[in-house]
């Protein structure tokens, strides 16, 4: 796969990940935390704010992998 195409795909994947993850985290927070206190809100958003990094790291790792030599 050409590197430029790979970077384009990776960019779209990262943007889509952030948008979808933010929407899902917000929906969960509104649906489940409406009666919770500020500490629970803080811990939820702290945890969910760091959790998106794991799939993003996978996408970035895929982006920086060198193509296998054909042989």
PDB file of N, CA and C in Angstrom:
ATOM      1  N   UNK A   1       0.854  -1.175   0.000  1.00  0.00           N
ATOM      2  CA  UNK A   1       0.000   0.000   0.000  1.00  0.00           C
ATOM      3  C   UNK A   1       0.897   1.234   0.000  1.00  0.00           C
ATOM      4  N   UNK A   2       0.621   2.164  -0.889  1.00  0.00           N
ATOM      5  CA  UNK A   2       1.432   3.386  -0.913  1.00  0.00           C
ATOM      6  C   UNK A   2       1.326   4.148   0.417  1.00  0.00           C
ATOM      7  N   UNK A   3       2.433   4.743   0.822  1.00  0.00           N
ATOM      8  CA  UNK A   3       2.497   5.415   2.119  1.00  0.00           C
ATOM      9  C   UNK A   3       1.524   6.585   2.199  1.00  0.00           C
ATOM     10  N   UNK A   4       1.323   7.295   1.095  1.00  0.00           N
ATOM     11  CA  UNK A   4       0.396   8.436   1.110  1.00  0.00           C
ATOM     12  C   UNK A   4      -1.041   7.971   1.325  1.00  0.00           C
ATOM     13  N   UNK A   5      -1.416   6.866   0.701  1.00  0.00           N
ATOM     14  CA  UNK A   5      -2.752   6.311   0.902  1.00  0.00           C
ATOM     15  C   UNK A   5      -2.915   5.821   2.341  1.00  0.00           C
ATOM     16  N   UNK A   6      -1.880   5.191   2.857  1.00  0.00           N
ATOM     17  CA  UNK A   6      -1.912   4.695   4.230  1.00  0.00           C
ATOM     18  C   UNK A   6      -2.087   5.851   5.222  1.00  0.00           C
ATOM     19  N   UNK A   7      -1.379   6.938   5.016  1.00  0.00           N
ATOM     20  CA  UNK A   7      -1.508   8.101   5.898  1.00  0.00           C
ATOM     21  C   UNK A   7      -2.889   8.740   5.779  1.00  0.00           C
ATOM     22  N   UNK A   8      -3.442   8.780   4.581  1.00  0.00           N
ATOM     23  CA  UNK A   8      -4.780   9.330   4.393  1.00  0.00           C
ATOM     24  C   UNK A   8      -5.820   8.486   5.129  1.00  0.00           C
ATOM     25  N   UNK A   9      -5.733   7.180   4.984  1.00  0.00           N
ATOM     26  CA  UNK A   9      -6.647   6.276   5.678  1.00  0.00           C
ATOM     27  C   UNK A   9      -6.484   6.420   7.186  1.00  0.00           C
ATOM     28  N   UNK A  10      -5.249   6.458   7.659  1.00  0.00           N
ATOM     29  CA  UNK A  10      -4.998   6.603   9.086  1.00  0.00           C
ATOM     30  C   UNK A  10      -5.529   7.911   9.649  1.00  0.00           C
ATOM     31  N   UNK A  11      -5.405   8.973   8.885  1.00  0.00           N
ATOM     32  CA  UNK A  11      -5.930  10.272   9.323  1.00  0.00           C
ATOM     33  C   UNK A  11      -7.440  10.228   9.467  1.00  0.00           C
ATOM     34  N   UNK A  12      -8.116   9.671   8.466  1.00  0.00           N
ATOM     35  CA  UNK A  12      -9.573   9.555   8.550  1.00  0.00           C
ATOM     36  C   UNK A  12      -9.995   8.642   9.697  1.00  0.00           C
ATOM     37  N   UNK A  13      -9.250   7.559   9.914  1.00  0.00           N
ATOM     38  CA  UNK A  13      -9.571   6.657  11.021  1.00  0.00           C
ATOM     39  C   UNK A  13      -9.429   7.358  12.372  1.00  0.00           C
ATOM     40  N   UNK A  14      -8.359   8.127  12.544  1.00  0.00           N
ATOM     41  CA  UNK A  14      -8.157   8.837  13.814  1.00  0.00           C
ATOM     42  C   UNK A  14      -9.237   9.889  14.055  1.00  0.00           C
ATOM     43  N   UNK A  15      -9.586  10.637  13.032  1.00  0.00           N
ATOM     44  CA  UNK A  15     -10.633  11.650  13.180  1.00  0.00           C
ATOM     45  C   UNK A  15     -11.973  10.981  13.498  1.00  0.00           C
ATOM     46  N   UNK A  16     -12.290   9.903  12.780  1.00  0.00           N
ATOM     47  CA  UNK A  16     -13.541   9.179  13.032  1.00  0.00           C
ATOM     48  C   UNK A  16     -13.549   8.591  14.437  1.00  0.00           C
ATOM     49  N   UNK A  17     -12.431   8.058  14.875  1.00  0.00           N
ATOM     50  CA  UNK A  17     -12.327   7.500  16.228  1.00  0.00           C
ATOM     51  C   UNK A  17     -12.626   8.557  17.281  1.00  0.00           C
ATOM     52  N   UNK A  18     -12.017   9.706  17.158  1.00  0.00           N
ATOM     53  CA  UNK A  18     -12.209  10.762  18.150  1.00  0.00           C
ATOM     54  C   UNK A  18     -13.662  11.238  18.165  1.00  0.00           C
ATOM     55  N   UNK A  19     -14.243  11.437  16.999  1.00  0.00           N
ATOM     56  CA  UNK A  19     -15.628  11.920  16.938  1.00  0.00           C
ATOM     57  C   UNK A  19     -16.591  10.884  17.510  1.00  0.00           C
ATOM     58  N   UNK A  20     -16.483   9.649  17.062  1.00  0.00           N
ATOM     59  CA  UNK A  20     -17.394   8.602  17.534  1.00  0.00           C
ATOM     60  C   UNK A  20     -17.188   8.342  19.020  1.00  0.00           C
ATOM     61  N   UNK A  21     -15.949   8.303  19.462  1.00  0.00           N
ATOM     62  CA  UNK A  21     -15.670   8.046  20.877  1.00  0.00           C
ATOM     63  C   UNK A  21     -16.230   9.165  21.755  1.00  0.00           C
ATOM     64  N   UNK A  22     -16.071  10.408  21.330  1.00  0.00           N
ATOM     65  CA  UNK A  22     -16.596  11.529  22.115  1.00  0.00           C
ATOM     66  C   UNK A  22     -18.115  11.470  22.192  1.00  0.00           C
ATOM     67  N   UNK A  23     -18.768  11.143  21.088  1.00  0.00           N
ATOM     68  CA  UNK A  23     -20.226  11.030  21.094  1.00  0.00           C
ATOM     69  C   UNK A  23     -20.693   9.904  22.008  1.00  0.00           C
ATOM     70  N   UNK A  24     -20.064   8.755  21.916  1.00  0.00           N
ATOM     71  CA  UNK A  24     -20.455   7.618  22.758  1.00  0.00           C
ATOM     72  C   UNK A  24     -20.208   7.924  24.234  1.00  0.00           C
ATOM     73  N   UNK A  25     -19.059   8.504  24.560  1.00  0.00           N
ATOM     74  CA  UNK A  25     -18.764   8.840  25.952  1.00  0.00           C
ATOM     75  C   UNK A  25     -19.760   9.860  26.497  1.00  0.00           C
ATOM     76  N   UNK A  26     -20.136  10.811  25.686  1.00  0.00           N
ATOM     77  CA  UNK A  26     -21.119  11.810  26.122  1.00  0.00           C
ATOM     78  C   UNK A  26     -22.493  11.196  26.316  1.00  0.00           C
ATOM     79  N   UNK A  27     -22.904  10.324  25.407  1.00  0.00           N
ATOM     80  CA  UNK A  27     -24.203   9.658  25.534  1.00  0.00           C
ATOM     81  C   UNK A  27     -24.240   8.797  26.793  1.00  0.00           C
ATOM     82  N   UNK A  28     -23.174   8.058  27.038  1.00  0.00           N
ATOM     83  CA  UNK A  28     -23.109   7.234  28.254  1.00  0.00           C
ATOM     84  C   UNK A  28     -23.163   8.116  29.487  1.00  0.00           C
ATOM     85  N   UNK A  29     -22.438   9.214  29.473  1.00  0.00           N
ATOM     86  CA  UNK A  29     -22.423  10.110  30.631  1.00  0.00           C
ATOM     87  C   UNK A  29     -23.803  10.690  30.896  1.00  0.00           C
ATOM     88  N   UNK A  30     -24.492  11.121  29.871  1.00  0.00           N
ATOM     89  CA  UNK A  30     -25.819  11.709  30.048  1.00  0.00           C
ATOM     90  C   UNK A  30     -26.810  10.650  30.526  1.00  0.00           C
ATOM     91  N   UNK A  31     -26.727   9.449  29.956  1.00  0.00           N
ATOM     92  CA  UNK A  31     -27.694   8.400  30.285  1.00  0.00           C
ATOM     93  C   UNK A  31     -27.449   7.784  31.658  1.00  0.00           C
ATOM     94  N   UNK A  32     -26.188   7.642  32.058  1.00  0.00           N
ATOM     95  CA  UNK A  32     -25.882   6.889  33.270  1.00  0.00           C
ATOM     96  C   UNK A  32     -25.479   7.745  34.464  1.00  0.00           C
ATOM     97  N   UNK A  33     -25.007   8.950  34.230  1.00  0.00           N
ATOM     98  CA  UNK A  33     -24.447   9.739  35.326  1.00  0.00           C
ATOM     99  C   UNK A  33     -25.296  10.943  35.708  1.00  0.00           C
ATOM    100  N   UNK A  34     -26.539  10.980  35.270  1.00  0.00           N
ATOM    101  CA  UNK A  34     -27.350  12.172  35.516  1.00  0.00           C
ATOM    102  C   UNK A  34     -27.596  12.408  37.002  1.00  0.00           C
ATOM    103  N   UNK A  35     -27.657  11.370  37.799  1.00  0.00           N
ATOM    104  CA  UNK A  35     -27.922  11.507  39.230  1.00  0.00           C
ATOM    105  C   UNK A  35     -26.651  11.418  40.080  1.00  0.00           C
ATOM    106  N   UNK A  36     -25.505  11.294  39.439  1.00  0.00           N
ATOM    107  CA  UNK A  36     -24.245  11.118  40.178  1.00  0.00           C
ATOM    108  C   UNK A  36     -23.651  12.453  40.582  1.00  0.00           C
ATOM    109  N   UNK A  37     -22.758  12.378  41.542  1.00  0.00           N
ATOM    110  CA  UNK A  37     -22.100  13.576  42.031  1.00  0.00           C
ATOM    111  C   UNK A  37     -20.942  14.003  41.151  1.00  0.00           C
ATOM    112  N   UNK A  38     -20.336  15.140  41.493  1.00  0.00           N
ATOM    113  CA  UNK A  38     -19.239  15.663  40.676  1.00  0.00           C
ATOM    114  C   UNK A  38     -18.000  14.771  40.674  1.00  0.00           C
ATOM    115  N   UNK A  39     -17.746  14.052  41.750  1.00  0.00           N
ATOM    116  CA  UNK A  39     -16.573  13.169  41.787  1.00  0.00           C
ATOM    117  C   UNK A  39     -16.730  12.022  40.790  1.00  0.00           C
ATOM    118  N   UNK A  40     -17.920  11.463  40.705  1.00  0.00           N
ATOM    119  CA  UNK A  40     -18.170  10.383  39.741  1.00  0.00           C
ATOM    120  C   UNK A  40     -18.034  10.913  38.316  1.00  0.00           C
ATOM    121  N   UNK A  41     -18.539  12.096  38.070  1.00  0.00           N
ATOM    122  CA  UNK A  41     -18.394  12.718  36.746  1.00  0.00           C
ATOM    123  C   UNK A  41     -16.914  12.921  36.414  1.00  0.00           C
ATOM    124  N   UNK A  42     -16.172  13.442  37.378  1.00  0.00           N
ATOM    125  CA  UNK A  42     -14.739  13.675  37.162  1.00  0.00           C
ATOM    126  C   UNK A  42     -14.017  12.372  36.845  1.00  0.00           C
ATOM    127  N   UNK A  43     -14.277  11.325  37.627  1.00  0.00           N
ATOM    128  CA  UNK A  43     -13.601  10.049  37.406  1.00  0.00           C
ATOM    129  C   UNK A  43     -14.000   9.419  36.074  1.00  0.00           C
ATOM    130  N   UNK A  44     -15.280   9.530  35.720  1.00  0.00           N
ATOM    131  CA  UNK A  44     -15.719   8.981  34.434  1.00  0.00           C
ATOM    132  C   UNK A  44     -15.018   9.680  33.278  1.00  0.00           C
ATOM    133  N   UNK A  45     -15.021  11.006  33.293  1.00  0.00           N
ATOM    134  CA  UNK A  45     -14.412  11.728  32.179  1.00  0.00           C
ATOM    135  C   UNK A  45     -12.892  11.618  32.182  1.00  0.00           C
ATOM    136  N   UNK A  46     -12.292  11.457  33.342  1.00  0.00           N
ATOM    137  CA  UNK A  46     -10.848  11.203  33.399  1.00  0.00           C
ATOM    138  C   UNK A  46     -10.538   9.860  32.748  1.00  0.00           C
ATOM    139  N   UNK A  47     -11.274   8.834  33.155  1.00  0.00           N
ATOM    140  CA  UNK A  47     -11.051   7.491  32.600  1.00  0.00           C
ATOM    141  C   UNK A  47     -11.369   7.449  31.109  1.00  0.00           C
ATOM    142  N   UNK A  48     -12.536   7.949  30.727  1.00  0.00           N
ATOM    143  CA  UNK A  48     -12.917   7.886  29.314  1.00  0.00           C
ATOM    144  C   UNK A  48     -12.055   8.815  28.456  1.00  0.00           C
ATOM    145  N   UNK A  49     -11.548   9.875  29.049  1.00  0.00           N
ATOM    146  CA  UNK A  49     -10.665  10.772  28.311  1.00  0.00           C
ATOM    147  C   UNK A  49      -9.308  10.165  28.023  1.00  0.00           C
ATOM    148  N   UNK A  50      -8.904   9.205  28.828  1.00  0.00           N
ATOM    149  CA  UNK A  50      -7.631   8.523  28.594  1.00  0.00           C
ATOM    150  C   UNK A  50      -7.793   7.228  27.803  1.00  0.00           C
ATOM    151  N   UNK A  51      -8.976   6.648  27.837  1.00  0.00           N
ATOM    152  CA  UNK A  51      -9.202   5.342  27.219  1.00  0.00           C
ATOM    153  C   UNK A  51      -9.109   5.375  25.690  1.00  0.00           C
ATOM    154  N   UNK A  52      -9.440   6.499  25.065  1.00  0.00           N
ATOM    155  CA  UNK A  52      -9.404   6.575  23.605  1.00  0.00           C
ATOM    156  C   UNK A  52      -7.987   6.459  23.061  1.00  0.00           C
ATOM    157  N   UNK A  53      -7.011   6.642  23.932  1.00  0.00           N
ATOM    158  CA  UNK A  53      -5.620   6.593  23.494  1.00  0.00           C
ATOM    159  C   UNK A  53      -5.234   5.186  23.027  1.00  0.00           C
ATOM    160  N   UNK A  54      -5.820   4.157  23.632  1.00  0.00           N
ATOM    161  CA  UNK A  54      -5.454   2.779  23.270  1.00  0.00           C
ATOM    162  C   UNK A  54      -5.756   2.454  21.806  1.00  0.00           C
ATOM    163  N   UNK A  55      -6.967   2.674  21.304  1.00  0.00           N
ATOM    164  CA  UNK A  55      -7.167   2.398  19.879  1.00  0.00           C
ATOM    165  C   UNK A  55      -6.393   3.378  18.981  1.00  0.00           C
ATOM    166  N   UNK A  56      -6.207   4.601  19.440  1.00  0.00           N
ATOM    167  CA  UNK A  56      -5.432   5.562  18.649  1.00  0.00           C
ATOM    168  C   UNK A  56      -3.978   5.093  18.520  1.00  0.00           C
ATOM    169  N   UNK A  57      -3.443   4.516  19.592  1.00  0.00           N
ATOM    170  CA  UNK A  57      -2.073   3.996  19.522  1.00  0.00           C
ATOM    171  C   UNK A  57      -1.969   2.869  18.497  1.00  0.00           C
ATOM    172  N   UNK A  58      -3.011   2.027  18.420  1.00  0.00           N
ATOM    173  CA  UNK A  58      -3.008   0.952  17.426  1.00  0.00           C
ATOM    174  C   UNK A  58      -3.000   1.492  16.009  1.00  0.00           C
ATOM    175  N   UNK A  59      -3.788   2.525  15.767  1.00  0.00           N
ATOM    176  CA  UNK A  59      -3.821   3.134  14.433  1.00  0.00           C
ATOM    177  C   UNK A  59      -2.472   3.762  14.107  1.00  0.00           C
ATOM    178  N   UNK A  60      -1.898   4.468  15.050  1.00  0.00           N
ATOM    179  CA  UNK A  60      -0.605   5.118  14.815  1.00  0.00           C
ATOM    180  C   UNK A  60       0.490   4.084  14.607  1.00  0.00           C
ATOM    181  N   UNK A  61       0.440   2.990  15.372  1.00  0.00           N
ATOM    182  CA  UNK A  61       1.433   1.926  15.186  1.00  0.00           C
ATOM    183  C   UNK A  61       1.322   1.346  13.776  1.00  0.00           C
ATOM    184  N   UNK A  62       0.080   1.154  13.303  1.00  0.00           N
ATOM    185  CA  UNK A  62      -0.112   0.658  11.947  1.00  0.00           C
ATOM    186  C   UNK A  62       0.447   1.648  10.926  1.00  0.00           C
ATOM    187  N   UNK A  63       0.299   2.943  11.201  1.00  0.00           N
ATOM    188  CA  UNK A  63       0.785   3.967  10.279  1.00  0.00           C
ATOM    189  C   UNK A  63       2.305   3.961  10.142  1.00  0.00           C
ATOM    190  N   UNK A  64       3.009   3.698  11.223  1.00  0.00           N
ATOM    191  CA  UNK A  64       4.462   3.809  11.179  1.00  0.00           C
ATOM    192  C   UNK A  64       5.166   2.506  10.820  1.00  0.00           C
ATOM    193  N   UNK A  65       4.398   1.415  10.700  1.00  0.00           N
ATOM    194  CA  UNK A  65       5.027   0.162  10.304  1.00  0.00           C
ATOM    195  C   UNK A  65       5.555   0.249   8.878  1.00  0.00           C
ATOM    196  N   UNK A  66       6.750  -0.223   8.710  1.00  0.00           N
ATOM    197  CA  UNK A  66       7.359  -0.246   7.381  1.00  0.00           C
ATOM    198  C   UNK A  66       6.713  -1.359   6.556  1.00  0.00           C
ATOM    199  N   UNK A  67       6.519  -1.123   5.280  1.00  0.00           N
ATOM    200  CA  UNK A  67       5.959  -2.192   4.441  1.00  0.00           C
ATOM    201  C   UNK A  67       6.932  -3.370   4.349  1.00  0.00           C
ATOM    202  N   UNK A  68       6.368  -4.549   4.243  1.00  0.00           N
ATOM    203  CA  UNK A  68       7.213  -5.746   4.120  1.00  0.00           C
ATOM    204  C   UNK A  68       7.871  -5.775   2.748  1.00  0.00           C
ATOM    205  N   UNK A  69       9.140  -6.150   2.726  1.00  0.00           N
ATOM    206  CA  UNK A  69       9.800  -6.217   1.406  1.00  0.00           C
ATOM    207  C   UNK A  69       9.218  -7.387   0.601  1.00  0.00           C
ATOM    208  N   UNK A  70       9.008  -7.116  -0.672  1.00  0.00           N
ATOM    209  CA  UNK A  70       8.480  -8.167  -1.556  1.00  0.00           C
ATOM    210  C   UNK A  70       9.636  -9.044  -1.992  1.00  0.00           C
ATOM    211  N   UNK A  71       9.430 -10.325  -1.872  1.00  0.00           N
ATOM    212  CA  UNK A  71      10.545 -11.158  -2.261  1.00  0.00           C
ATOM    213  C   UNK A  71      10.198 -12.518  -2.436  1.00  0.00           C
TER     214      UNK A  71
END
